[in-house]
Amino acid sequence: MTTVDIEYCVPCGMLDRAQDVQAAILEAFGQEVESVSLVTGDSGVFEVRADGDVVFDKESDEFDVDAIVDGVGTHVGATA
């Protein structure tokens, strides 16, 4: 099953954004994902990884919850 990590900058106050993404992923995929973890970070980081692959990085991608969920979706149910 797919594991998702959402690494977010604590000093930047990105917890709300991280929780919004976490809730959207859980709503979309529910029990199809093993976990959706919030990982604390700093230096402005906001990155979403599915099974270790980056599906969103605020340095190169425009923030769009639906696009992030779609990116995670490509990993959900994929066979190894």
N, C-alpha and C. Protein backbone atom coordinates (compact mmCIF):
# COMPACT_ATOMS: atom_id res chain seq x y z
N MET A 1 0.84 -1.20 0.00
CA MET A 1 0.00 0.00 0.00
C MET A 1 0.88 1.25 0.00
N THR A 2 0.30 2.31 -0.43
CA THR A 2 1.00 3.58 -0.59
C THR A 2 1.17 4.29 0.75
N THR A 3 2.38 4.81 0.97
CA THR A 3 2.62 5.67 2.13
C THR A 3 2.90 7.08 1.60
N VAL A 4 2.34 8.06 2.28
CA VAL A 4 2.49 9.45 1.86
C VAL A 4 3.10 10.24 3.02
N ASP A 5 4.12 11.04 2.71
CA ASP A 5 4.74 11.93 3.69
C ASP A 5 4.54 13.37 3.22
N ILE A 6 4.06 14.21 4.11
CA ILE A 6 3.91 15.63 3.83
C ILE A 6 4.88 16.35 4.76
N GLU A 7 5.97 16.85 4.18
CA GLU A 7 6.96 17.58 4.97
C GLU A 7 6.68 19.07 4.82
N TYR A 8 6.56 19.74 5.96
CA TYR A 8 6.17 21.15 5.94
C TYR A 8 7.03 21.95 6.90
N CYS A 9 7.18 23.23 6.61
CA CYS A 9 7.98 24.13 7.42
C CYS A 9 7.19 24.58 8.64
N VAL A 10 7.68 24.21 9.81
CA VAL A 10 7.01 24.59 11.06
C VAL A 10 7.13 26.10 11.31
N PRO A 11 8.36 26.68 11.26
CA PRO A 11 8.47 28.12 11.53
C PRO A 11 7.68 28.99 10.55
N CYS A 12 7.43 28.48 9.35
CA CYS A 12 6.70 29.25 8.33
C CYS A 12 5.19 29.21 8.54
N GLY A 13 4.73 28.37 9.46
CA GLY A 13 3.30 28.29 9.74
C GLY A 13 2.52 27.52 8.69
N MET A 14 3.11 26.47 8.12
CA MET A 14 2.46 25.71 7.05
C MET A 14 1.66 24.51 7.55
N LEU A 15 1.45 24.41 8.85
CA LEU A 15 0.71 23.27 9.40
C LEU A 15 -0.70 23.18 8.82
N ASP A 16 -1.41 24.30 8.74
CA ASP A 16 -2.79 24.29 8.22
C ASP A 16 -2.82 23.75 6.79
N ARG A 17 -1.89 24.20 5.97
CA ARG A 17 -1.82 23.74 4.58
C ARG A 17 -1.53 22.23 4.53
N ALA A 18 -0.61 21.79 5.37
CA ALA A 18 -0.27 20.36 5.41
C ALA A 18 -1.47 19.53 5.85
N GLN A 19 -2.21 20.02 6.83
CA GLN A 19 -3.39 19.30 7.30
C GLN A 19 -4.49 19.27 6.23
N ASP A 20 -4.61 20.34 5.46
CA ASP A 20 -5.59 20.37 4.37
C ASP A 20 -5.26 19.31 3.32
N VAL A 21 -3.99 19.20 2.97
CA VAL A 21 -3.56 18.20 1.98
C VAL A 21 -3.77 16.79 2.55
N GLN A 22 -3.42 16.61 3.82
CA GLN A 22 -3.60 15.30 4.47
C GLN A 22 -5.08 14.89 4.44
N ALA A 23 -5.96 15.81 4.81
CA ALA A 23 -7.40 15.51 4.83
C ALA A 23 -7.91 15.19 3.43
N ALA A 24 -7.46 15.92 2.42
CA ALA A 24 -7.91 15.69 1.05
C ALA A 24 -7.47 14.32 0.55
N ILE A 25 -6.24 13.93 0.87
CA ILE A 25 -5.74 12.61 0.46
C ILE A 25 -6.52 11.51 1.15
N LEU A 26 -6.75 11.66 2.45
CA LEU A 26 -7.50 10.64 3.18
C LEU A 26 -8.95 10.57 2.69
N GLU A 27 -9.54 11.70 2.37
CA GLU A 27 -10.91 11.70 1.87
C GLU A 27 -10.99 11.01 0.51
N ALA A 28 -9.99 11.25 -0.34
CA ALA A 28 -10.00 10.68 -1.68
C ALA A 28 -9.70 9.18 -1.69
N PHE A 29 -8.78 8.75 -0.83
CA PHE A 29 -8.28 7.38 -0.93
C PHE A 29 -8.56 6.50 0.29
N GLY A 30 -8.90 7.11 1.41
CA GLY A 30 -9.27 6.35 2.60
C GLY A 30 -8.34 5.20 2.91
N GLN A 31 -8.88 4.01 2.95
CA GLN A 31 -8.11 2.83 3.34
C GLN A 31 -7.21 2.30 2.22
N GLU A 32 -7.19 2.96 1.08
CA GLU A 32 -6.30 2.55 -0.01
C GLU A 32 -4.86 2.99 0.24
N VAL A 33 -4.65 3.88 1.20
CA VAL A 33 -3.30 4.29 1.57
C VAL A 33 -2.96 3.74 2.94
N GLU A 34 -1.69 3.39 3.12
CA GLU A 34 -1.26 2.85 4.40
C GLU A 34 -1.17 3.94 5.46
N SER A 35 -0.61 5.09 5.05
CA SER A 35 -0.47 6.21 5.98
C SER A 35 -0.31 7.51 5.22
N VAL A 36 -0.70 8.59 5.88
CA VAL A 36 -0.45 9.94 5.39
C VAL A 36 0.14 10.70 6.57
N SER A 37 1.47 10.82 6.57
CA SER A 37 2.19 11.35 7.72
C SER A 37 2.58 12.81 7.53
N LEU A 38 2.47 13.56 8.62
CA LEU A 38 2.98 14.93 8.64
C LEU A 38 4.39 14.89 9.21
N VAL A 39 5.34 15.46 8.46
CA VAL A 39 6.74 15.44 8.84
C VAL A 39 7.19 16.88 9.02
N THR A 40 7.67 17.22 10.21
CA THR A 40 8.09 18.59 10.47
C THR A 40 9.41 18.89 9.77
N GLY A 41 9.53 20.13 9.32
CA GLY A 41 10.74 20.58 8.66
C GLY A 41 10.93 22.06 8.88
N ASP A 42 11.89 22.64 8.16
CA ASP A 42 12.15 24.07 8.26
C ASP A 42 12.67 24.57 6.92
N SER A 43 13.20 25.75 6.89
CA SER A 43 13.78 26.36 5.68
C SER A 43 12.78 26.47 4.54
N GLY A 44 11.50 26.65 4.86
CA GLY A 44 10.49 26.89 3.84
C GLY A 44 10.00 25.65 3.11
N VAL A 45 10.38 24.48 3.57
CA VAL A 45 10.02 23.24 2.87
C VAL A 45 8.51 22.98 2.89
N PHE A 46 8.01 22.52 1.76
CA PHE A 46 6.66 21.94 1.68
C PHE A 46 6.72 20.96 0.52
N GLU A 47 6.77 19.69 0.87
CA GLU A 47 6.96 18.65 -0.11
C GLU A 47 6.06 17.47 0.22
N VAL A 48 5.47 16.88 -0.80
CA VAL A 48 4.62 15.71 -0.63
C VAL A 48 5.27 14.57 -1.39
N ARG A 49 5.49 13.45 -0.70
CA ARG A 49 6.08 12.27 -1.31
C ARG A 49 5.14 11.08 -1.17
N ALA A 50 5.00 10.32 -2.24
CA ALA A 50 4.22 9.08 -2.23
C ALA A 50 5.19 7.95 -2.54
N ASP A 51 5.30 7.02 -1.60
CA ASP A 51 6.25 5.91 -1.74
C ASP A 51 7.65 6.41 -2.06
N GLY A 52 8.02 7.55 -1.48
CA GLY A 52 9.36 8.11 -1.66
C GLY A 52 9.53 9.00 -2.88
N ASP A 53 8.57 8.99 -3.79
CA ASP A 53 8.65 9.82 -4.99
C ASP A 53 7.99 11.18 -4.72
N VAL A 54 8.66 12.25 -5.10
CA VAL A 54 8.12 13.59 -4.90
C VAL A 54 6.97 13.82 -5.88
N VAL A 55 5.78 14.12 -5.34
CA VAL A 55 4.64 14.45 -6.20
C VAL A 55 4.32 15.94 -6.14
N PHE A 56 4.88 16.63 -5.14
CA PHE A 56 4.72 18.08 -5.05
C PHE A 56 5.90 18.66 -4.29
N ASP A 57 6.45 19.76 -4.81
CA ASP A 57 7.49 20.52 -4.14
C ASP A 57 7.19 21.99 -4.39
N LYS A 58 6.99 22.75 -3.33
CA LYS A 58 6.59 24.15 -3.50
C LYS A 58 7.63 24.97 -4.25
N GLU A 59 8.86 24.48 -4.31
CA GLU A 59 9.91 25.19 -5.03
C GLU A 59 9.70 25.15 -6.54
N SER A 60 9.01 24.10 -7.03
CA SER A 60 8.85 23.96 -8.47
C SER A 60 7.41 23.81 -8.94
N ASP A 61 6.47 23.62 -8.01
CA ASP A 61 5.08 23.39 -8.38
C ASP A 61 4.17 24.45 -7.77
N GLU A 62 3.08 24.78 -8.46
CA GLU A 62 2.08 25.69 -7.92
C GLU A 62 1.19 24.90 -6.96
N PHE A 63 0.90 25.46 -5.78
CA PHE A 63 0.09 24.77 -4.79
C PHE A 63 -1.33 24.61 -5.29
N ASP A 64 -1.76 23.36 -5.40
CA ASP A 64 -3.11 23.02 -5.84
C ASP A 64 -3.44 21.68 -5.20
N VAL A 65 -4.32 21.70 -4.22
CA VAL A 65 -4.63 20.48 -3.48
C VAL A 65 -5.10 19.37 -4.41
N ASP A 66 -5.96 19.71 -5.38
CA ASP A 66 -6.47 18.69 -6.30
C ASP A 66 -5.35 18.06 -7.12
N ALA A 67 -4.40 18.87 -7.57
CA ALA A 67 -3.27 18.35 -8.34
C ALA A 67 -2.40 17.45 -7.47
N ILE A 68 -2.23 17.81 -6.21
CA ILE A 68 -1.44 16.97 -5.30
C ILE A 68 -2.14 15.63 -5.09
N VAL A 69 -3.46 15.66 -4.87
CA VAL A 69 -4.22 14.42 -4.71
C VAL A 69 -4.11 13.56 -5.97
N ASP A 70 -4.19 14.18 -7.13
CA ASP A 70 -4.04 13.44 -8.39
C ASP A 70 -2.65 12.81 -8.49
N GLY A 71 -1.63 13.54 -8.07
CA GLY A 71 -0.26 13.01 -8.09
C GLY A 71 -0.11 11.81 -7.18
N VAL A 72 -0.71 11.88 -6.02
CA VAL A 72 -0.69 10.73 -5.09
C VAL A 72 -1.47 9.57 -5.70
N GLY A 73 -2.57 9.89 -6.39
CA GLY A 73 -3.42 8.86 -6.99
C GLY A 73 -2.69 7.97 -7.97
N THR A 74 -1.65 8.50 -8.64
CA THR A 74 -0.90 7.66 -9.58
C THR A 74 -0.14 6.55 -8.86
N HIS A 75 0.07 6.71 -7.57
CA HIS A 75 0.77 5.71 -6.77
C HIS A 75 -0.17 4.74 -6.07
N VAL A 76 -1.39 5.17 -5.82
CA VAL A 76 -2.36 4.34 -5.08
C VAL A 76 -2.78 3.17 -5.97
N GLY A 77 -2.62 1.98 -5.44
CA GLY A 77 -3.01 0.78 -6.18
C GLY A 77 -1.99 0.32 -7.19
N ALA A 78 -0.89 1.07 -7.35
CA ALA A 78 0.16 0.65 -8.28
C ALA A 78 0.88 -0.57 -7.71
N THR A 79 1.24 -1.48 -8.56
CA THR A 79 1.95 -2.68 -8.10
C THR A 79 3.44 -2.46 -8.20
N ALA A 80 4.14 -3.08 -7.27
CA ALA A 80 5.60 -2.91 -7.25
C ALA A 80 6.26 -3.89 -8.19
